[in-house]
Amino acid sequence: MNEAQLITRVLAGDRLAGRELYDAHAPQVFRLAYSMTRDEEIARECTQDTFVRAFSKLDKFRQEAAFSTWIHRIAVSTVLEALRGRRRAAARFVSIDAAHDVHIEESSHDVELVSRVEKAVEELPEIYRTALIMHDLEGYTHAAIADVLSIPEGTSKTRVAQARAKLRETLAALRD
């Protein structure tokens, strides 16, 4: 059964068709959410929220683009909203005890380098970080990124290039 038929069945109230659609796309949505958040729990929540939103708006899906593109657009939006909300909450509540739980592993230069790169990526402005993660980590083409983020393809290329340049600057400064 193709996706158009599944969507029609979901809209008619067929829960099994909804489950098939979910099962077909949830792993990719989770992987995208995890790549953006680096937190399994948040990624799971965002995956669920993505499908809740998608199924509630399924009647608005025009099937002009692939369902995967549409669901990934919703996923990116959902993740960005979740991250903004968590940053606002974290800015308001800081636990003094949290400082005691911090453990820095210094036994391996590789671990330290990975940590620095991850930190540098996290510090990128959201528009660059999202494009970089989608392109370099998740393997999206610039055309797919442009479609998901509703930006021109050239803007996707520019954002990835600028993200890489900012990472080079940050990591070069750490080397000195």
C-alpha atoms as a PDB file:
ATOM      1  CA  MET A   1       0.000   0.000   0.000  1.00  0.00           C
ATOM      2  CA  ASN A   2       1.426   3.393  -0.935  1.00  0.00           C
ATOM      3  CA  GLU A   3       1.549   6.469   1.302  1.00  0.00           C
ATOM      4  CA  ALA A   4      -1.351   8.222  -0.429  1.00  0.00           C
ATOM      5  CA  GLN A   5      -3.575   5.234   0.347  1.00  0.00           C
ATOM      6  CA  LEU A   6      -2.335   5.100   3.942  1.00  0.00           C
ATOM      7  CA  ILE A   7      -3.065   8.800   4.379  1.00  0.00           C
ATOM      8  CA  THR A   8      -6.567   8.361   2.983  1.00  0.00           C
ATOM      9  CA  ARG A   9      -7.171   5.469   5.383  1.00  0.00           C
ATOM     10  CA  VAL A  10      -5.804   7.475   8.343  1.00  0.00           C
ATOM     11  CA  LEU A  11      -8.136  10.343   7.479  1.00  0.00           C
ATOM     12  CA  ALA A  12     -10.994   7.835   7.405  1.00  0.00           C
ATOM     13  CA  GLY A  13     -10.120   6.803  10.974  1.00  0.00           C
ATOM     14  CA  ASP A  14      -8.074   3.659  10.323  1.00  0.00           C
ATOM     15  CA  ARG A  15      -5.699   3.441  13.300  1.00  0.00           C
ATOM     16  CA  LEU A  16      -3.690   0.584  11.779  1.00  0.00           C
ATOM     17  CA  ALA A  17      -2.898   2.744   8.760  1.00  0.00           C
ATOM     18  CA  GLY A  18      -1.783   5.464  11.159  1.00  0.00           C
ATOM     19  CA  ARG A  19       0.502   2.994  12.861  1.00  0.00           C
ATOM     20  CA  GLU A  20       1.973   1.926   9.501  1.00  0.00           C
ATOM     21  CA  LEU A  21       2.648   5.547   8.582  1.00  0.00           C
ATOM     22  CA  TYR A  22       4.218   6.150  11.987  1.00  0.00           C
ATOM     23  CA  ASP A  23       6.376   3.014  11.796  1.00  0.00           C
ATOM     24  CA  ALA A  24       7.587   3.973   8.325  1.00  0.00           C
ATOM     25  CA  HIS A  25       8.760   7.461   9.342  1.00  0.00           C
ATOM     26  CA  ALA A  26       9.413   7.469  13.105  1.00  0.00           C
ATOM     27  CA  PRO A  27      13.015   6.178  12.917  1.00  0.00           C
ATOM     28  CA  GLN A  28      14.085   8.996  10.574  1.00  0.00           C
ATOM     29  CA  VAL A  29      12.212  11.607  12.606  1.00  0.00           C
ATOM     30  CA  PHE A  30      13.825  10.332  15.806  1.00  0.00           C
ATOM     31  CA  ARG A  31      17.292  10.353  14.221  1.00  0.00           C
ATOM     32  CA  LEU A  32      16.797  13.956  13.070  1.00  0.00           C
ATOM     33  CA  ALA A  33      15.501  15.010  16.488  1.00  0.00           C
ATOM     34  CA  TYR A  34      18.365  13.249  18.249  1.00  0.00           C
ATOM     35  CA  SER A  35      20.928  14.840  15.948  1.00  0.00           C
ATOM     36  CA  MET A  36      19.527  18.245  16.748  1.00  0.00           C
ATOM     37  CA  THR A  37      19.126  17.751  20.508  1.00  0.00           C
ATOM     38  CA  ARG A  38      21.752  15.154  21.434  1.00  0.00           C
ATOM     39  CA  ASP A  39      19.315  13.992  24.095  1.00  0.00           C
ATOM     40  CA  GLU A  40      17.449  10.708  23.702  1.00  0.00           C
ATOM     41  CA  GLU A  41      14.556  11.690  25.972  1.00  0.00           C
ATOM     42  CA  ILE A  42      13.964  15.027  24.250  1.00  0.00           C
ATOM     43  CA  ALA A  43      14.277  13.337  20.856  1.00  0.00           C
ATOM     44  CA  ARG A  44      11.616  10.774  21.837  1.00  0.00           C
ATOM     45  CA  GLU A  45       9.290  13.532  23.071  1.00  0.00           C
ATOM     46  CA  CYS A  46       9.838  15.536  19.898  1.00  0.00           C
ATOM     47  CA  THR A  47       9.202  12.474  17.739  1.00  0.00           C
ATOM     48  CA  GLN A  48       5.888  11.865  19.503  1.00  0.00           C
ATOM     49  CA  ASP A  49       4.952  15.558  19.331  1.00  0.00           C
ATOM     50  CA  THR A  50       5.811  15.613  15.644  1.00  0.00           C
ATOM     51  CA  PHE A  51       3.401  12.801  14.863  1.00  0.00           C
ATOM     52  CA  VAL A  52       0.665  14.217  17.090  1.00  0.00           C
ATOM     53  CA  ARG A  53       0.936  17.497  15.179  1.00  0.00           C
ATOM     54  CA  ALA A  54       1.162  15.764  11.818  1.00  0.00           C
ATOM     55  CA  PHE A  55      -1.864  13.551  12.388  1.00  0.00           C
ATOM     56  CA  SER A  56      -3.892  16.490  13.684  1.00  0.00           C
ATOM     57  CA  LYS A  57      -3.078  18.413  10.487  1.00  0.00           C
ATOM     58  CA  LEU A  58      -3.086  15.487   8.080  1.00  0.00           C
ATOM     59  CA  ASP A  59      -6.188  16.808   6.348  1.00  0.00           C
ATOM     60  CA  LYS A  60      -4.125  19.863   5.333  1.00  0.00           C
ATOM     61  CA  PHE A  61      -1.371  17.774   3.720  1.00  0.00           C
ATOM     62  CA  ARG A  62      -1.738  18.453  -0.007  1.00  0.00           C
ATOM     63  CA  GLN A  63       0.514  15.612  -1.178  1.00  0.00           C
ATOM     64  CA  GLU A  64       2.371  17.984  -3.517  1.00  0.00           C
ATOM     65  CA  ALA A  65       5.631  17.031  -1.789  1.00  0.00           C
ATOM     66  CA  ALA A  66       6.640  13.735  -0.248  1.00  0.00           C
ATOM     67  CA  PHE A  67       5.125  12.899   3.133  1.00  0.00           C
ATOM     68  CA  SER A  68       8.671  12.473   4.483  1.00  0.00           C
ATOM     69  CA  THR A  69       9.498  16.074   3.572  1.00  0.00           C
ATOM     70  CA  TRP A  70       6.323  17.324   5.231  1.00  0.00           C
ATOM     71  CA  ILE A  71       6.853  15.308   8.418  1.00  0.00           C
ATOM     72  CA  HIS A  72      10.521  16.378   8.620  1.00  0.00           C
ATOM     73  CA  ARG A  73       9.482  20.028   8.324  1.00  0.00           C
ATOM     74  CA  ILE A  74       7.137  19.495  11.269  1.00  0.00           C
ATOM     75  CA  ALA A  75       9.907  17.668  13.164  1.00  0.00           C
ATOM     76  CA  VAL A  76      12.414  20.499  12.719  1.00  0.00           C
ATOM     77  CA  SER A  77       9.819  22.993  13.921  1.00  0.00           C
ATOM     78  CA  THR A  78       8.926  20.822  16.896  1.00  0.00           C
ATOM     79  CA  VAL A  79      12.559  20.330  17.913  1.00  0.00           C
ATOM     80  CA  LEU A  80      13.390  24.022  17.599  1.00  0.00           C
ATOM     81  CA  GLU A  81      10.379  24.926  19.753  1.00  0.00           C
ATOM     82  CA  ALA A  82      11.371  22.335  22.359  1.00  0.00           C
ATOM     83  CA  LEU A  83      14.949  23.588  22.462  1.00  0.00           C
ATOM     84  CA  ARG A  84      13.831  27.213  22.827  1.00  0.00           C
ATOM     85  CA  GLY A  85      11.499  26.251  25.658  1.00  0.00           C
ATOM     86  CA  ARG A  86      14.177  24.274  27.447  1.00  0.00           C
ATOM     87  CA  ARG A  87      16.711  27.100  27.079  1.00  0.00           C
ATOM     88  CA  ARG A  88      14.235  29.574  28.563  1.00  0.00           C
ATOM     89  CA  ALA A  89      13.518  27.203  31.449  1.00  0.00           C
ATOM     90  CA  ALA A  90      17.208  26.509  32.026  1.00  0.00           C
ATOM     91  CA  ALA A  91      17.953  30.223  32.108  1.00  0.00           C
ATOM     92  CA  ARG A  92      15.412  30.632  34.911  1.00  0.00           C
ATOM     93  CA  PHE A  93      16.392  27.606  36.998  1.00  0.00           C
ATOM     94  CA  VAL A  94      19.988  26.780  37.748  1.00  0.00           C
ATOM     95  CA  SER A  95      20.741  24.152  40.358  1.00  0.00           C
ATOM     96  CA  ILE A  96      23.762  24.771  42.553  1.00  0.00           C
ATOM     97  CA  ASP A  97      24.032  21.008  43.034  1.00  0.00           C
ATOM     98  CA  ALA A  98      24.448  20.553  39.286  1.00  0.00           C
ATOM     99  CA  ALA A  99      28.031  21.806  39.515  1.00  0.00           C
ATOM    100  CA  HIS A 100      28.915  18.840  41.728  1.00  0.00           C
ATOM    101  CA  ASP A 101      27.630  16.377  39.129  1.00  0.00           C
ATOM    102  CA  VAL A 102      29.854  17.669  36.325  1.00  0.00           C
ATOM    103  CA  HIS A 103      32.513  15.161  35.377  1.00  0.00           C
ATOM    104  CA  ILE A 104      35.182  16.075  32.861  1.00  0.00           C
ATOM    105  CA  GLU A 105      37.021  13.168  31.337  1.00  0.00           C
ATOM    106  CA  GLU A 106      40.623  14.099  30.634  1.00  0.00           C
ATOM    107  CA  SER A 107      42.009  10.668  29.888  1.00  0.00           C
ATOM    108  CA  SER A 108      41.733  10.903  26.119  1.00  0.00           C
ATOM    109  CA  HIS A 109      42.473  13.681  23.671  1.00  0.00           C
ATOM    110  CA  ASP A 110      39.851  12.212  21.337  1.00  0.00           C
ATOM    111  CA  VAL A 111      37.131  12.539  23.972  1.00  0.00           C
ATOM    112  CA  GLU A 112      38.200  16.109  24.645  1.00  0.00           C
ATOM    113  CA  LEU A 113      38.225  16.960  20.948  1.00  0.00           C
ATOM    114  CA  VAL A 114      34.784  15.433  20.413  1.00  0.00           C
ATOM    115  CA  SER A 115      33.507  17.353  23.406  1.00  0.00           C
ATOM    116  CA  ARG A 116      34.932  20.615  22.063  1.00  0.00           C
ATOM    117  CA  VAL A 117      33.448  20.043  18.622  1.00  0.00           C
ATOM    118  CA  GLU A 118      30.027  19.185  20.094  1.00  0.00           C
ATOM    119  CA  LYS A 119      30.167  22.284  22.289  1.00  0.00           C
ATOM    120  CA  ALA A 120      31.172  24.440  19.326  1.00  0.00           C
ATOM    121  CA  VAL A 121      28.273  23.045  17.273  1.00  0.00           C
ATOM    122  CA  GLU A 122      25.839  23.667  20.155  1.00  0.00           C
ATOM    123  CA  GLU A 123      27.010  27.283  20.377  1.00  0.00           C
ATOM    124  CA  LEU A 124      26.313  27.957  16.702  1.00  0.00           C
ATOM    125  CA  PRO A 125      23.282  30.136  16.045  1.00  0.00           C
ATOM    126  CA  GLU A 126      20.223  27.943  15.539  1.00  0.00           C
ATOM    127  CA  ILE A 127      19.843  28.627  11.799  1.00  0.00           C
ATOM    128  CA  TYR A 128      23.417  27.512  11.099  1.00  0.00           C
ATOM    129  CA  ARG A 129      23.370  24.580  13.519  1.00  0.00           C
ATOM    130  CA  THR A 130      20.167  23.162  12.034  1.00  0.00           C
ATOM    131  CA  ALA A 131      21.426  23.366   8.445  1.00  0.00           C
ATOM    132  CA  LEU A 132      24.811  21.896   9.410  1.00  0.00           C
ATOM    133  CA  ILE A 133      23.308  18.973  11.318  1.00  0.00           C
ATOM    134  CA  MET A 134      20.825  18.201   8.565  1.00  0.00           C
ATOM    135  CA  HIS A 135      23.497  18.319   5.848  1.00  0.00           C
ATOM    136  CA  ASP A 136      26.683  17.005   7.425  1.00  0.00           C
ATOM    137  CA  LEU A 137      25.322  14.595  10.030  1.00  0.00           C
ATOM    138  CA  GLU A 138      21.999  13.465   8.598  1.00  0.00           C
ATOM    139  CA  GLY A 139      22.989  13.545   4.922  1.00  0.00           C
ATOM    140  CA  TYR A 140      20.166  15.728   3.641  1.00  0.00           C
ATOM    141  CA  THR A 141      20.750  17.411   0.291  1.00  0.00           C
ATOM    142  CA  HIS A 142      20.577  21.178   0.115  1.00  0.00           C
ATOM    143  CA  ALA A 143      17.366  20.842  -1.884  1.00  0.00           C
ATOM    144  CA  ALA A 144      15.784  18.741   0.879  1.00  0.00           C
ATOM    145  CA  ILE A 145      16.972  21.143   3.581  1.00  0.00           C
ATOM    146  CA  ALA A 146      15.557  24.054   1.608  1.00  0.00           C
ATOM    147  CA  ASP A 147      12.241  22.273   1.318  1.00  0.00           C
ATOM    148  CA  VAL A 148      12.051  21.282   4.992  1.00  0.00           C
ATOM    149  CA  LEU A 149      13.100  24.714   6.295  1.00  0.00           C
ATOM    150  CA  SER A 150      11.199  26.684   3.636  1.00  0.00           C
ATOM    151  CA  ILE A 151      14.296  28.539   2.473  1.00  0.00           C
ATOM    152  CA  PRO A 152      16.003  28.845  -0.921  1.00  0.00           C
ATOM    153  CA  GLU A 153      18.538  26.136  -1.730  1.00  0.00           C
ATOM    154  CA  GLY A 154      21.295  28.754  -1.940  1.00  0.00           C
ATOM    155  CA  THR A 155      20.494  29.844   1.605  1.00  0.00           C
ATOM    156  CA  SER A 156      20.976  26.268   2.782  1.00  0.00           C
ATOM    157  CA  LYS A 157      24.391  26.137   1.115  1.00  0.00           C
ATOM    158  CA  THR A 158      25.335  29.499   2.623  1.00  0.00           C
ATOM    159  CA  ARG A 159      24.240  28.482   6.117  1.00  0.00           C
ATOM    160  CA  VAL A 160      26.228  25.248   6.002  1.00  0.00           C
ATOM    161  CA  ALA A 161      29.305  27.096   4.714  1.00  0.00           C
ATOM    162  CA  GLN A 162      28.953  29.778   7.388  1.00  0.00           C
ATOM    163  CA  ALA A 163      28.470  27.154  10.096  1.00  0.00           C
ATOM    164  CA  ARG A 164      31.657  25.399   9.008  1.00  0.00           C
ATOM    165  CA  ALA A 165      33.558  28.711   8.961  1.00  0.00           C
ATOM    166  CA  LYS A 166      32.330  29.568  12.460  1.00  0.00           C
ATOM    167  CA  LEU A 167      33.363  26.098  13.677  1.00  0.00           C
ATOM    168  CA  ARG A 168      36.841  26.527  12.173  1.00  0.00           C
ATOM    169  CA  GLU A 169      37.219  29.888  13.945  1.00  0.00           C
ATOM    170  CA  THR A 170      36.011  28.528  17.282  1.00  0.00           C
ATOM    171  CA  LEU A 171      38.145  25.408  17.132  1.00  0.00           C
ATOM    172  CA  ALA A 172      41.241  27.340  15.966  1.00  0.00           C
ATOM    173  CA  ALA A 173      40.854  29.680  18.938  1.00  0.00           C
ATOM    174  CA  LEU A 174      40.704  26.688  21.283  1.00  0.00           C
ATOM    175  CA  ARG A 175      43.941  25.338  19.816  1.00  0.00           C
ATOM    176  CA  ASP A 176      45.890  28.476  20.733  1.00  0.00           C
END
